[in-house]
Each structure stands twice: as C-alpha cells, then as structure tokens.
Amino acid sequence: MRGADLIGADLRDTDLTDADLTGAFFLTQPQVNAARGSAGTRLPGSVTRPGHWTAWV
C-alpha cells in the first residue's frame, strides 16, 4: 500500500497484517486504531502501532 492515498479512507476492521504502509499518504492514527494489524505491519513514523494489534499476532 505504499503510495496509496488514504485520505478519508474507512479502515474499520481492515486486515493490515504484514502490510507496508510506510509510504501511504494521509494515514491517520484513528484509521490505524480502527484497523487490525500485526507485528509485521510497517507503519510510517507519523503513527504508532496500537496496543490491541498484539491480539491478532
């Protein structure tokens, strides 16, 4: 998903397991918090890995 424009995207319950979001544009913390991910999901420095993601690892 590098280079994807995520402005306004609804990521609720989206499975981002092992996705590379490092180059995604307009990714916000609320979007990440609403999604599912794993230790392998790569995030840009502007957002942090939600604590609840460990449940899906």
N, C-alpha and C. Protein backbone atom coordinates (compact mmCIF):
# COMPACT_ATOMS: atom_id res chain seq x y z
N MET A 1 0.82 -1.20 0.00
CA MET A 1 0.00 0.00 0.00
C MET A 1 0.86 1.26 0.00
N ARG A 2 2.13 1.09 -0.26
CA ARG A 2 3.00 2.27 -0.33
C ARG A 2 2.54 3.15 -1.48
N GLY A 3 2.44 4.44 -1.19
CA GLY A 3 2.00 5.39 -2.20
C GLY A 3 0.49 5.55 -2.28
N ALA A 4 -0.25 4.78 -1.49
CA ALA A 4 -1.70 4.88 -1.51
C ALA A 4 -2.15 6.16 -0.83
N ASP A 5 -3.17 6.79 -1.38
CA ASP A 5 -3.77 7.99 -0.80
C ASP A 5 -4.92 7.53 0.08
N LEU A 6 -4.77 7.64 1.39
CA LEU A 6 -5.77 7.12 2.33
C LEU A 6 -6.61 8.21 2.97
N ILE A 7 -6.62 9.40 2.38
CA ILE A 7 -7.40 10.48 2.95
C ILE A 7 -8.89 10.08 2.98
N GLY A 8 -9.45 10.11 4.17
CA GLY A 8 -10.86 9.79 4.34
C GLY A 8 -11.20 8.31 4.24
N ALA A 9 -10.21 7.43 4.09
CA ALA A 9 -10.50 6.00 3.95
C ALA A 9 -11.01 5.43 5.27
N ASP A 10 -12.03 4.60 5.17
CA ASP A 10 -12.59 3.92 6.33
C ASP A 10 -11.87 2.58 6.47
N LEU A 11 -10.99 2.48 7.46
CA LEU A 11 -10.21 1.26 7.65
C LEU A 11 -10.73 0.40 8.80
N ARG A 12 -11.95 0.67 9.24
CA ARG A 12 -12.51 -0.13 10.33
C ARG A 12 -12.49 -1.60 9.96
N ASP A 13 -11.88 -2.40 10.85
CA ASP A 13 -11.78 -3.86 10.71
C ASP A 13 -11.01 -4.31 9.47
N THR A 14 -10.30 -3.41 8.81
CA THR A 14 -9.46 -3.78 7.68
C THR A 14 -8.27 -4.57 8.19
N ASP A 15 -7.96 -5.68 7.55
CA ASP A 15 -6.83 -6.51 7.96
C ASP A 15 -5.57 -5.99 7.28
N LEU A 16 -4.72 -5.36 8.06
CA LEU A 16 -3.47 -4.81 7.55
C LEU A 16 -2.27 -5.68 7.94
N THR A 17 -2.52 -6.93 8.26
CA THR A 17 -1.46 -7.84 8.66
C THR A 17 -0.36 -7.87 7.60
N ASP A 18 0.85 -7.56 8.04
CA ASP A 18 2.06 -7.57 7.21
C ASP A 18 2.03 -6.57 6.05
N ALA A 19 1.10 -5.61 6.07
CA ALA A 19 1.05 -4.58 5.02
C ALA A 19 2.19 -3.58 5.23
N ASP A 20 2.66 -2.99 4.14
CA ASP A 20 3.67 -1.95 4.20
C ASP A 20 2.99 -0.61 3.92
N LEU A 21 2.80 0.16 4.96
CA LEU A 21 2.13 1.46 4.86
C LEU A 21 3.11 2.61 4.99
N THR A 22 4.41 2.32 4.91
CA THR A 22 5.40 3.35 5.18
C THR A 22 5.31 4.53 4.22
N GLY A 23 4.84 4.33 3.01
CA GLY A 23 4.75 5.42 2.06
C GLY A 23 3.33 5.86 1.77
N ALA A 24 2.38 5.44 2.60
CA ALA A 24 0.99 5.83 2.40
C ALA A 24 0.81 7.31 2.73
N PHE A 25 -0.04 7.97 1.98
CA PHE A 25 -0.32 9.38 2.19
C PHE A 25 -1.57 9.57 3.03
N PHE A 26 -1.52 10.53 3.94
CA PHE A 26 -2.67 10.94 4.75
C PHE A 26 -3.21 9.84 5.67
N LEU A 27 -2.37 8.91 6.09
CA LEU A 27 -2.78 7.89 7.06
C LEU A 27 -2.80 8.53 8.44
N THR A 28 -3.90 8.34 9.15
CA THR A 28 -4.05 8.95 10.47
C THR A 28 -4.07 7.90 11.57
N GLN A 29 -3.79 8.35 12.78
CA GLN A 29 -3.81 7.43 13.92
C GLN A 29 -5.20 6.82 14.13
N PRO A 30 -6.30 7.59 14.00
CA PRO A 30 -7.62 6.96 14.16
C PRO A 30 -7.88 5.85 13.12
N GLN A 31 -7.39 6.02 11.91
CA GLN A 31 -7.55 4.98 10.89
C GLN A 31 -6.81 3.71 11.32
N VAL A 32 -5.58 3.88 11.78
CA VAL A 32 -4.77 2.74 12.21
C VAL A 32 -5.42 2.07 13.43
N ASN A 33 -5.91 2.87 14.35
CA ASN A 33 -6.54 2.32 15.56
C ASN A 33 -7.77 1.48 15.23
N ALA A 34 -8.47 1.81 14.17
CA ALA A 34 -9.70 1.11 13.80
C ALA A 34 -9.43 -0.16 13.00
N ALA A 35 -8.20 -0.32 12.53
CA ALA A 35 -7.85 -1.47 11.69
C ALA A 35 -7.26 -2.59 12.53
N ARG A 36 -7.02 -3.72 11.88
CA ARG A 36 -6.32 -4.84 12.50
C ARG A 36 -4.95 -4.93 11.85
N GLY A 37 -3.94 -5.29 12.62
CA GLY A 37 -2.60 -5.40 12.08
C GLY A 37 -1.79 -6.40 12.88
N SER A 38 -0.51 -6.46 12.55
CA SER A 38 0.37 -7.42 13.21
C SER A 38 1.74 -6.79 13.44
N ALA A 39 2.61 -7.56 14.05
CA ALA A 39 3.97 -7.10 14.26
C ALA A 39 4.67 -6.85 12.93
N GLY A 40 4.23 -7.51 11.87
CA GLY A 40 4.82 -7.35 10.55
C GLY A 40 4.29 -6.18 9.76
N THR A 41 3.27 -5.50 10.27
CA THR A 41 2.72 -4.34 9.57
C THR A 41 3.70 -3.18 9.73
N ARG A 42 4.10 -2.60 8.62
CA ARG A 42 5.04 -1.49 8.63
C ARG A 42 4.27 -0.18 8.55
N LEU A 43 4.56 0.71 9.50
CA LEU A 43 3.84 1.97 9.61
C LEU A 43 4.78 3.15 9.41
N PRO A 44 4.25 4.27 8.90
CA PRO A 44 5.07 5.48 8.81
C PRO A 44 5.33 6.02 10.21
N GLY A 45 6.34 6.84 10.34
CA GLY A 45 6.70 7.40 11.64
C GLY A 45 5.64 8.31 12.24
N SER A 46 4.68 8.73 11.45
CA SER A 46 3.66 9.66 11.94
C SER A 46 2.57 8.98 12.77
N VAL A 47 2.53 7.65 12.77
CA VAL A 47 1.54 6.92 13.57
C VAL A 47 2.25 5.85 14.40
N THR A 48 1.59 5.41 15.46
CA THR A 48 2.16 4.38 16.32
C THR A 48 1.33 3.11 16.24
N ARG A 49 1.97 2.01 16.51
CA ARG A 49 1.31 0.70 16.49
C ARG A 49 0.34 0.62 17.67
N PRO A 50 -0.94 0.36 17.41
CA PRO A 50 -1.91 0.25 18.50
C PRO A 50 -1.61 -0.98 19.38
N GLY A 51 -1.83 -0.83 20.65
CA GLY A 51 -1.60 -1.95 21.57
C GLY A 51 -2.48 -3.14 21.30
N HIS A 52 -3.69 -2.92 20.79
CA HIS A 52 -4.61 -4.03 20.56
C HIS A 52 -4.19 -4.90 19.37
N TRP A 53 -3.23 -4.47 18.56
CA TRP A 53 -2.81 -5.27 17.44
C TRP A 53 -2.15 -6.57 17.88
N THR A 54 -1.63 -6.61 19.08
CA THR A 54 -0.99 -7.84 19.54
C THR A 54 -1.97 -8.99 19.62
N ALA A 55 -3.27 -8.69 19.69
CA ALA A 55 -4.29 -9.75 19.75
C ALA A 55 -4.37 -10.51 18.45
N TRP A 56 -3.92 -9.90 17.34
CA TRP A 56 -4.01 -10.56 16.04
C TRP A 56 -2.68 -11.13 15.56
N VAL A 57 -1.67 -11.04 16.40
CA VAL A 57 -0.35 -11.55 16.01
C VAL A 57 -0.32 -13.04 16.18
